Amino acid sequence: MNNNKTSLSVDKKKRKLTGIVISSTNSMDKTIVVEVARLIKHPILKKYYKRSVKYKVHDEANVAKKGDNVAFYQTRPISKTKSFMLDSIV
């Protein structure tokens, strides 16, 4: 058997998401809360319904404001609940 694991150890692509900023208050410095919504098809009814998830995203320069559409990516954990960094404002 060949135990060639070099193909498995290649860096995985970072998870990239886009969403809308729903909170950018002064209480959390350098942090924004982004809501990512997606449509899911019901397996039996065949209808689409909306699911949303909120992520805390690190915003080093505090440039994102409430209502902005932003792109962000996954990184190492920055704090207890924050493991995403702001990429750009779309």
C-alpha atoms as a PDB file:
ATOM      1  CA  MET A   1       0.000   0.000   0.000  1.00  0.00           C
ATOM      2  CA  ASN A   2       1.054   3.529  -0.700  1.00  0.00           C
ATOM      3  CA  ASN A   3       0.693   5.927   2.251  1.00  0.00           C
ATOM      4  CA  ASN A   4       1.010   9.110   0.234  1.00  0.00           C
ATOM      5  CA  LYS A   5      -0.810  11.742   2.306  1.00  0.00           C
ATOM      6  CA  THR A   6       0.599  14.787   0.561  1.00  0.00           C
ATOM      7  CA  SER A   7      -2.576  15.269  -1.459  1.00  0.00           C
ATOM      8  CA  LEU A   8      -4.642  15.311   1.735  1.00  0.00           C
ATOM      9  CA  SER A   9      -2.433  17.848   3.517  1.00  0.00           C
ATOM     10  CA  VAL A  10      -2.970  20.558   0.909  1.00  0.00           C
ATOM     11  CA  ASP A  11      -4.412  23.716   2.477  1.00  0.00           C
ATOM     12  CA  LYS A  12      -8.187  23.728   2.274  1.00  0.00           C
ATOM     13  CA  LYS A  13      -9.852  26.788   0.881  1.00  0.00           C
ATOM     14  CA  LYS A  14     -11.116  29.163   3.508  1.00  0.00           C
ATOM     15  CA  ARG A  15     -14.878  29.282   3.903  1.00  0.00           C
ATOM     16  CA  LYS A  16     -16.125  32.505   2.300  1.00  0.00           C
ATOM     17  CA  LEU A  17     -19.587  33.930   2.959  1.00  0.00           C
ATOM     18  CA  THR A  18     -21.563  37.072   2.206  1.00  0.00           C
ATOM     19  CA  GLY A  19     -24.280  38.690   4.270  1.00  0.00           C
ATOM     20  CA  ILE A  20     -25.840  41.867   5.607  1.00  0.00           C
ATOM     21  CA  VAL A  21     -24.548  43.702   8.677  1.00  0.00           C
ATOM     22  CA  ILE A  22     -27.310  43.814  11.284  1.00  0.00           C
ATOM     23  CA  SER A  23     -25.316  45.234  14.201  1.00  0.00           C
ATOM     24  CA  SER A  24     -22.212  47.393  14.421  1.00  0.00           C
ATOM     25  CA  THR A  25     -22.556  49.036  17.833  1.00  0.00           C
ATOM     26  CA  ASN A  26     -19.920  50.686  19.960  1.00  0.00           C
ATOM     27  CA  SER A  27     -20.362  48.081  22.695  1.00  0.00           C
ATOM     28  CA  MET A  28     -18.384  45.547  20.652  1.00  0.00           C
ATOM     29  CA  ASP A  29     -15.304  47.320  19.341  1.00  0.00           C
ATOM     30  CA  LYS A  30     -13.939  45.886  16.059  1.00  0.00           C
ATOM     31  CA  THR A  31     -16.848  43.407  15.826  1.00  0.00           C
ATOM     32  CA  ILE A  32     -19.882  43.303  13.553  1.00  0.00           C
ATOM     33  CA  VAL A  33     -22.789  40.863  13.475  1.00  0.00           C
ATOM     34  CA  VAL A  34     -23.610  39.602   9.984  1.00  0.00           C
ATOM     35  CA  GLU A  35     -26.720  37.686   8.992  1.00  0.00           C
ATOM     36  CA  VAL A  36     -26.374  35.144   6.175  1.00  0.00           C
ATOM     37  CA  ALA A  37     -29.672  34.004   4.652  1.00  0.00           C
ATOM     38  CA  ARG A  38     -30.111  31.034   2.342  1.00  0.00           C
ATOM     39  CA  LEU A  39     -33.006  29.210   0.717  1.00  0.00           C
ATOM     40  CA  ILE A  40     -33.672  25.541   1.472  1.00  0.00           C
ATOM     41  CA  LYS A  41     -35.991  23.273  -0.473  1.00  0.00           C
ATOM     42  CA  HIS A  42     -38.381  21.221   1.645  1.00  0.00           C
ATOM     43  CA  PRO A  43     -37.878  17.521   0.819  1.00  0.00           C
ATOM     44  CA  ILE A  44     -41.572  16.622   0.735  1.00  0.00           C
ATOM     45  CA  LEU A  45     -43.442  19.828  -0.061  1.00  0.00           C
ATOM     46  CA  LYS A  46     -40.854  20.987  -2.644  1.00  0.00           C
ATOM     47  CA  LYS A  47     -41.247  24.597  -1.483  1.00  0.00           C
ATOM     48  CA  TYR A  48     -38.393  26.927  -0.657  1.00  0.00           C
ATOM     49  CA  TYR A  49     -38.077  28.559   2.753  1.00  0.00           C
ATOM     50  CA  LYS A  50     -35.526  30.926   4.231  1.00  0.00           C
ATOM     51  CA  ARG A  51     -32.971  30.012   6.913  1.00  0.00           C
ATOM     52  CA  SER A  52     -30.605  32.555   8.410  1.00  0.00           C
ATOM     53  CA  VAL A  53     -27.523  32.362  10.626  1.00  0.00           C
ATOM     54  CA  LYS A  54     -25.779  35.176  12.499  1.00  0.00           C
ATOM     55  CA  TYR A  55     -21.978  35.352  12.589  1.00  0.00           C
ATOM     56  CA  LYS A  56     -19.719  37.635  14.616  1.00  0.00           C
ATOM     57  CA  VAL A  57     -17.071  39.015  12.277  1.00  0.00           C
ATOM     58  CA  HIS A  58     -13.829  40.820  13.143  1.00  0.00           C
ATOM     59  CA  ASP A  59     -13.708  44.308  11.579  1.00  0.00           C
ATOM     60  CA  GLU A  60     -10.255  45.729  12.377  1.00  0.00           C
ATOM     61  CA  ALA A  61     -10.862  49.239  11.006  1.00  0.00           C
ATOM     62  CA  ASN A  62     -14.544  49.572  12.014  1.00  0.00           C
ATOM     63  CA  VAL A  63     -15.511  50.429   8.423  1.00  0.00           C
ATOM     64  CA  ALA A  64     -18.700  48.362   8.035  1.00  0.00           C
ATOM     65  CA  LYS A  65     -21.977  50.026   9.000  1.00  0.00           C
ATOM     66  CA  LYS A  66     -25.447  48.639   9.642  1.00  0.00           C
ATOM     67  CA  GLY A  67     -27.135  47.590   6.386  1.00  0.00           C
ATOM     68  CA  ASP A  68     -23.906  47.068   4.401  1.00  0.00           C
ATOM     69  CA  ASN A  69     -23.518  43.950   2.287  1.00  0.00           C
ATOM     70  CA  VAL A  70     -20.156  42.387   3.258  1.00  0.00           C
ATOM     71  CA  ALA A  71     -17.956  39.424   2.340  1.00  0.00           C
ATOM     72  CA  PHE A  72     -16.021  37.589   5.059  1.00  0.00           C
ATOM     73  CA  TYR A  73     -13.955  34.438   5.507  1.00  0.00           C
ATOM     74  CA  GLN A  74     -13.180  31.900   8.221  1.00  0.00           C
ATOM     75  CA  THR A  75      -9.956  32.136  10.240  1.00  0.00           C
ATOM     76  CA  ARG A  76      -8.548  30.820  13.477  1.00  0.00           C
ATOM     77  CA  PRO A  77     -10.647  31.672  16.559  1.00  0.00           C
ATOM     78  CA  ILE A  78     -10.147  35.313  17.508  1.00  0.00           C
ATOM     79  CA  SER A  79     -12.296  35.126  20.645  1.00  0.00           C
ATOM     80  CA  LYS A  80     -14.845  32.792  22.228  1.00  0.00           C
ATOM     81  CA  THR A  81     -17.523  33.486  19.599  1.00  0.00           C
ATOM     82  CA  LYS A  82     -15.577  35.146  16.768  1.00  0.00           C
ATOM     83  CA  SER A  83     -13.770  33.151  14.070  1.00  0.00           C
ATOM     84  CA  PHE A  84     -14.433  35.173  10.899  1.00  0.00           C
ATOM     85  CA  MET A  85     -12.645  38.199   9.419  1.00  0.00           C
ATOM     86  CA  LEU A  86     -14.059  40.905   7.187  1.00  0.00           C
ATOM     87  CA  ASP A  87     -12.845  40.605   3.592  1.00  0.00           C
ATOM     88  CA  SER A  88     -14.579  43.484   1.828  1.00  0.00           C
ATOM     89  CA  ILE A  89     -17.720  45.567   1.607  1.00  0.00           C
ATOM     90  CA  VAL A  90     -19.628  44.478  -1.480  1.00  0.00           C
END
